[in-house]
Protein backbone atom coordinates (compact mmCIF):
# COMPACT_ATOMS: atom_id res chain seq x y z
CA MET A 1 58.76 -102.04 85.66
CA ARG A 2 56.76 -105.30 86.51
CA ILE A 3 53.90 -104.61 88.97
CA PRO A 4 53.75 -106.98 91.83
CA ASN A 5 50.73 -109.49 91.23
CA PHE A 6 50.35 -111.18 94.75
CA PHE A 7 46.92 -109.23 95.45
CA ALA A 8 45.66 -111.21 92.22
CA TYR A 9 45.76 -114.20 94.72
CA LEU A 10 43.80 -113.12 97.65
CA LEU A 11 40.35 -114.34 96.85
CA PRO A 12 41.34 -118.08 96.84
CA LEU A 13 43.52 -117.13 99.79
CA ALA A 14 40.65 -115.66 101.74
CA LEU A 15 38.33 -118.86 100.75
CA LEU A 16 40.86 -121.19 101.86
CA GLY A 17 41.69 -119.38 104.96
CA ALA A 18 38.36 -119.39 106.10
CA CYS A 19 38.08 -123.17 105.92
CA GLN A 20 41.72 -123.95 107.50
CA LYS A 21 42.50 -121.74 110.54
CA HIS A 22 45.94 -122.43 111.21
CA LYS A 23 47.64 -123.28 107.86
CA PRO A 24 48.51 -120.74 105.63
CA ALA A 25 46.70 -120.88 102.31
CA VAL A 26 47.74 -122.18 98.90
CA VAL A 27 47.31 -119.16 96.59
CA THR A 28 46.29 -119.18 93.07
CA SER A 29 45.68 -116.57 90.95
CA SER A 30 42.33 -114.40 90.53
CA PRO A 31 42.38 -110.91 88.87
CA THR A 32 39.36 -109.90 90.78
CA SER A 33 40.76 -110.32 94.19
CA MET A 34 43.58 -107.69 94.02
CA LYS A 35 41.17 -104.79 94.97
CA GLN A 36 39.99 -106.90 98.22
CA LEU A 37 43.12 -106.31 100.04
CA GLU A 38 43.93 -102.74 98.73
CA GLY A 39 43.19 -100.10 101.38
CA THR A 40 43.56 -99.00 104.98
CA TRP A 41 43.18 -101.32 107.68
CA LEU A 42 42.94 -100.84 111.34
CA ALA A 43 43.73 -103.27 114.26
CA SER A 44 40.66 -104.76 115.83
CA HIS A 45 42.12 -105.36 119.18
CA GLU A 46 39.05 -106.74 120.52
CA GLU A 47 38.99 -109.59 118.14
CA THR A 48 42.71 -110.45 118.16
CA HIS A 49 43.67 -113.80 119.98
CA GLY A 50 47.15 -114.85 120.48
CA ASP A 51 49.36 -114.53 117.40
CA THR A 52 46.34 -113.91 115.22
CA LEU A 53 46.13 -110.25 114.49
CA VAL A 54 42.85 -109.07 113.21
CA TYR A 55 42.00 -105.92 111.02
CA ARG A 56 39.08 -104.25 109.66
CA PRO A 57 38.67 -101.61 106.96
CA ASN A 58 38.98 -98.08 108.15
CA THR A 59 35.36 -97.36 107.30
CA TYR A 60 34.47 -100.16 109.97
CA THR A 61 32.62 -98.64 112.87
CA PHE A 62 34.82 -99.50 115.66
CA PRO A 63 34.17 -99.39 119.33
CA PRO A 64 35.92 -96.48 121.23
CA ALA A 65 39.47 -97.06 121.77
CA ARG A 66 42.48 -94.67 122.70
CA GLY A 67 44.18 -95.54 119.51
CA ARG A 68 44.33 -98.12 116.73
CA THR A 69 47.39 -99.01 114.87
CA GLY A 70 46.91 -100.24 110.97
CA PHE A 71 48.41 -99.92 107.63
CA ALA A 72 47.49 -99.14 103.93
CA LEU A 73 48.36 -101.54 101.21
CA LYS A 74 48.71 -99.63 98.00
CA ALA A 75 49.14 -100.53 94.48
CA TYR A 76 52.64 -100.87 92.90
CA GLY A 77 54.25 -102.29 95.97
CA ARG A 78 53.61 -99.09 98.21
CA PHE A 79 52.83 -99.69 101.91
CA GLU A 80 52.17 -97.29 104.82
CA GLN A 81 52.10 -98.30 108.57
CA PHE A 82 50.11 -96.35 110.92
CA ASP A 83 51.77 -96.15 114.43
CA ILE A 84 49.83 -94.16 117.29
CA ALA A 85 51.04 -90.49 117.45
CA PRO A 86 51.79 -88.67 120.72
CA THR A 87 48.56 -86.99 120.31
CA ASP A 88 46.58 -90.21 119.92
CA GLY A 89 46.20 -89.63 116.15
CA LEU A 90 47.93 -91.89 113.52
CA ALA A 91 51.37 -91.15 112.37
CA GLY A 92 52.28 -92.80 109.06
CA ARG A 93 55.41 -94.41 108.22
CA PRO A 94 55.83 -94.95 104.43
CA GLY A 95 57.36 -98.31 103.03
CA THR A 96 57.15 -100.96 100.41
CA TRP A 97 55.57 -104.47 100.29
CA THR A 98 56.66 -107.36 98.08
CA PRO A 99 55.47 -110.86 97.99
CA ASP A 100 57.38 -113.35 100.00
CA GLY A 101 56.01 -116.85 98.95
CA LYS A 102 52.37 -117.42 98.30
CA SER A 103 50.71 -115.96 101.36
CA ARG A 104 53.17 -113.61 102.65
CA LEU A 105 54.05 -110.06 102.17
CA ARG A 106 57.59 -108.63 103.07
CA ILE A 107 57.46 -104.88 104.64
CA HIS A 108 60.07 -102.86 104.40
CA LEU A 109 59.70 -99.51 105.92
CA THR A 110 61.82 -96.60 104.19
CA ASP A 111 62.61 -94.68 107.71
CA GLY A 112 64.99 -97.47 108.67
CA GLN A 113 64.07 -97.22 112.27
CA SER A 114 62.51 -100.76 112.48
CA PRO A 115 63.78 -103.99 110.87
CA ASP A 116 61.81 -105.57 108.10
CA TYR A 117 58.90 -107.87 108.74
CA THR A 118 56.44 -110.41 107.11
CA LEU A 119 52.74 -110.41 107.26
CA GLU A 120 51.36 -114.04 106.74
CA ILE A 121 47.77 -113.67 105.44
CA LEU A 122 45.67 -116.32 107.27
CA SER A 123 42.21 -115.31 105.71
CA LEU A 124 40.32 -112.34 104.19
CA HIS A 125 36.56 -113.22 104.96
CA LYS A 126 33.58 -110.46 105.04
CA GLN A 127 35.96 -107.56 105.53
CA VAL A 128 38.01 -109.22 108.29
CA LEU A 129 41.70 -109.80 107.61
CA LYS A 130 43.50 -111.99 109.66
CA LEU A 131 47.38 -111.91 109.93
CA ARG A 132 50.23 -113.27 111.61
CA GLN A 133 53.48 -111.07 111.96
CA LEU A 134 56.82 -113.03 111.48
CA PRO A 135 60.14 -111.44 111.88
């Protein structure tokens, strides 16, 4: 089984994304950047503007909020989406991710309750991940 190598492209993507606000970055290979995107990311609603979604690592000290959605990107194409549970906690929904072009991830949730969607990576700079969600 071939392991998706998309994460290896993220450092140049982050550098280019920081310089170009609304253009998807052209991605090149970098073996050290894979680990930068792996992990659990929670929505930073306070920083989100328009269709640019802002996420920070779950270790970030967020201001108080009733709940925060997010996701976890894991090795080998594993994905977990976090929705707000009825008790204001997080409810995880497992899925998978696959590269879709050079700056996008195609997300498939295995429960079949939601259609697949694409996350366009705009930038990753200083633990701030900016995305755009596409159908």
